[in-house]
Structures are given as structure tokens and as C-alpha cells.
Amino acid sequence: MSDEKTGKFDDLPELRARGLRKMEQVYGFDMTDGDGDFFRYTADHLFGDVWQRPGLSDRDRRLLLIGLLAGQGAADVLGIQVPAAHAAGELDDEALRETVVFLSHYAGWPNGARLNSIVEETIAKAARKAARAAEKQG
């Protein structure tokens, strides 16, 4: 996933390369460069600058983002952010479940229920992946 080994961002301006590397870290999957103003603002400004600012950790930013997304009922983006936070070790099973309980009271029960489904699916997928890895080693 990281371009340090492949150098896939070497031909890009530093701000774009920094943004794409941060996008890979935040989303948990490979990124490629894109076209247009929307992509430029996303890669260069949001991930090249805003996600890199001091004062908040990535975990802090992720919690804020998950809260906002839950409040908006944005299950599609939560389906990216929750598994990425879990895989990155920013939020473990207990923290994700506590986030659901807390946000359900502020974002509304239907939004909390959607978030709960995403959280439980994320935890179950991670457990299945860990079990398969253990079987291969054992």
C-alpha cells in the first residue's frame, strides 16, 4: 500500500504525494492520482494539509469524522472509515462499540443502528480473518 517501496508518487508534486500517502493511511487501501478540482482539493488540501496539522491525532480526527458521518446517516462512508480505523488499530472492538452507544444518543437511534451494523460487521470480519490466519499457522 505504501509508495515508499514502489515510488509510485515520485513523479508528483510533494503536496499531492503527501496527500495521497495520507489518503492510503486513512482509508487503508491503495490510491492513485486523480483529475479535477474536487480530487485536487481532497488530495492536496484535505489530506495533504488538514489531516497533517498538529493538535489532533489521526484517532481524534477519525472519531470526529465518524461522529459527523453517523449524524448525517452517511453509512456508505462509515463503511470505509470504521473498518479502516479498526484495521489501523485506532479503535478496537470495545472503543467501536462504545462509540455506537454514545453516538446513538446524539445522532439518533436509526443512525446509531446503522453504525452498529457497520461496527459489528467490521469486528466479525476481523475475527474471521484472524481465525483464518491462526489456522494457517497452526
Protein backbone atom coordinates (compact mmCIF):
# COMPACT_ATOMS: atom_id res chain seq x y z
CA MET A 1 0.00 0.00 0.00
CA SER A 2 2.82 2.42 0.75
CA ASP A 3 4.65 4.15 -2.05
CA GLU A 4 7.96 4.11 -0.16
CA LYS A 5 8.74 0.73 -1.73
CA THR A 6 7.28 1.39 -5.15
CA GLY A 7 7.93 5.12 -5.52
CA LYS A 8 4.59 5.37 -7.30
CA PHE A 9 4.15 9.00 -6.24
CA ASP A 10 7.71 10.13 -7.06
CA ASP A 11 6.66 11.96 -10.23
CA LEU A 12 4.01 14.05 -8.42
CA PRO A 13 4.39 17.41 -6.67
CA GLU A 14 5.26 16.93 -2.99
CA LEU A 15 1.89 18.21 -1.72
CA ARG A 16 -0.02 15.75 -3.92
CA ALA A 17 2.29 12.87 -2.98
CA ARG A 18 1.93 13.69 0.73
CA GLY A 19 -1.85 13.85 0.34
CA LEU A 20 -2.05 10.52 -1.49
CA ARG A 21 0.16 8.82 1.10
CA LYS A 22 -2.11 10.14 3.87
CA MET A 23 -5.21 9.01 1.97
CA GLU A 24 -3.75 5.50 1.78
CA GLN A 25 -3.04 5.57 5.51
CA VAL A 26 -6.50 6.88 6.41
CA TYR A 27 -8.54 4.73 4.01
CA GLY A 28 -6.42 1.60 4.28
CA PHE A 29 -6.19 0.89 0.56
CA ASP A 30 -4.07 1.89 -2.44
CA MET A 31 -4.71 5.26 -4.01
CA THR A 32 -3.90 6.63 -7.42
CA ASP A 33 -3.73 10.20 -8.62
CA GLY A 34 -6.91 11.74 -9.98
CA ASP A 35 -8.10 14.64 -12.08
CA GLY A 36 -10.30 17.63 -11.47
CA ASP A 37 -10.73 20.29 -8.85
CA PHE A 38 -12.62 18.06 -6.40
CA PHE A 39 -9.84 15.50 -6.34
CA ARG A 40 -7.22 18.26 -6.08
CA TYR A 41 -8.94 19.78 -3.05
CA THR A 42 -9.35 16.35 -1.48
CA ALA A 43 -5.78 15.14 -2.00
CA ASP A 44 -3.85 18.40 -1.71
CA HIS A 45 -5.83 20.36 0.85
CA LEU A 46 -7.76 17.86 2.98
CA PHE A 47 -5.18 15.06 3.12
CA GLY A 48 -2.01 16.96 2.22
CA ASP A 49 -2.68 19.71 4.74
CA VAL A 50 -5.68 19.37 7.08
CA TRP A 51 -5.12 15.72 8.08
CA GLN A 52 -1.44 16.56 8.70
CA ARG A 53 -1.92 19.52 11.02
CA PRO A 54 -0.72 19.34 14.63
CA GLY A 55 -3.13 19.38 17.55
CA LEU A 56 -5.21 16.29 16.80
CA SER A 57 -4.10 12.71 16.36
CA ASP A 58 -5.39 10.62 13.48
CA ARG A 59 -7.53 8.79 16.05
CA ASP A 60 -9.02 12.10 17.20
CA ARG A 61 -9.78 13.10 13.62
CA ARG A 62 -11.28 9.69 12.93
CA LEU A 63 -13.58 9.89 15.96
CA LEU A 64 -14.76 13.34 14.92
CA LEU A 65 -15.35 12.14 11.38
CA ILE A 66 -17.24 9.03 12.48
CA GLY A 67 -19.44 11.19 14.71
CA LEU A 68 -20.23 13.58 11.90
CA LEU A 69 -20.90 10.78 9.44
CA ALA A 70 -23.17 8.99 11.90
CA GLY A 71 -25.09 12.22 12.46
CA GLN A 72 -25.56 12.60 8.72
CA GLY A 73 -26.57 8.97 8.27
CA ALA A 74 -23.68 8.52 5.82
CA ALA A 75 -23.45 4.73 6.09
CA ASP A 76 -21.54 4.49 2.80
CA VAL A 77 -18.59 6.49 4.09
CA LEU A 78 -18.86 4.92 7.56
CA GLY A 79 -18.42 1.60 5.77
CA ILE A 80 -14.96 2.83 4.76
CA GLN A 81 -13.94 4.76 7.88
CA VAL A 82 -14.95 2.24 10.56
CA PRO A 83 -13.05 -0.73 9.08
CA ALA A 84 -10.05 1.50 8.33
CA ALA A 85 -9.96 2.78 11.93
CA HIS A 86 -10.21 -0.79 13.23
CA ALA A 87 -7.53 -2.14 10.89
CA ALA A 88 -5.19 0.74 11.77
CA GLY A 89 -5.57 -0.03 15.47
CA GLU A 90 -7.04 3.40 16.17
CA LEU A 91 -10.29 1.95 17.52
CA ASP A 92 -10.53 -1.57 18.94
CA ASP A 93 -13.70 -3.63 19.36
CA GLU A 94 -14.57 -2.07 22.70
CA ALA A 95 -13.97 1.51 21.51
CA LEU A 96 -16.10 0.96 18.41
CA ARG A 97 -18.97 -0.46 20.44
CA GLU A 98 -18.78 2.40 22.95
CA THR A 99 -18.80 4.86 20.05
CA VAL A 100 -22.07 3.30 18.86
CA VAL A 101 -23.71 3.63 22.29
CA PHE A 102 -22.56 7.23 22.68
CA LEU A 103 -23.42 8.40 19.18
CA SER A 104 -26.81 6.70 19.15
CA HIS A 105 -27.97 9.17 21.78
CA TYR A 106 -26.77 12.20 19.82
CA ALA A 107 -27.13 11.10 16.18
CA GLY A 108 -30.48 9.37 16.68
CA TRP A 109 -31.31 5.72 17.14
CA PRO A 110 -31.75 4.87 13.43
CA ASN A 111 -28.33 6.34 12.62
CA GLY A 112 -26.87 4.54 15.61
CA ALA A 113 -28.41 1.27 14.46
CA ARG A 114 -26.81 1.68 11.02
CA LEU A 115 -23.47 2.45 12.66
CA ASN A 116 -23.88 -0.60 14.92
CA SER A 117 -24.37 -2.84 11.89
CA ILE A 118 -21.19 -1.50 10.32
CA VAL A 119 -19.24 -1.88 13.58
CA GLU A 120 -20.42 -5.45 14.21
CA GLU A 121 -19.70 -6.42 10.60
CA THR A 122 -16.22 -4.91 10.90
CA ILE A 123 -15.50 -6.80 14.13
CA ALA A 124 -16.83 -10.07 12.71
CA LYS A 125 -14.76 -9.76 9.52
CA ALA A 126 -11.62 -9.03 11.54
CA ALA A 127 -12.29 -12.06 13.78
CA ARG A 128 -12.78 -14.32 10.74
CA LYS A 129 -9.56 -13.01 9.20
CA ALA A 130 -7.66 -13.62 12.43
CA ALA A 131 -9.09 -17.15 12.71
CA ARG A 132 -8.03 -17.96 9.13
CA ALA A 133 -4.54 -16.65 9.84
CA ALA A 134 -4.33 -18.74 13.02
CA GLU A 135 -5.44 -21.86 11.12
CA LYS A 136 -2.72 -21.33 8.54
CA GLN A 137 -0.07 -21.03 11.26
CA GLY A 138 -1.39 -23.87 13.37
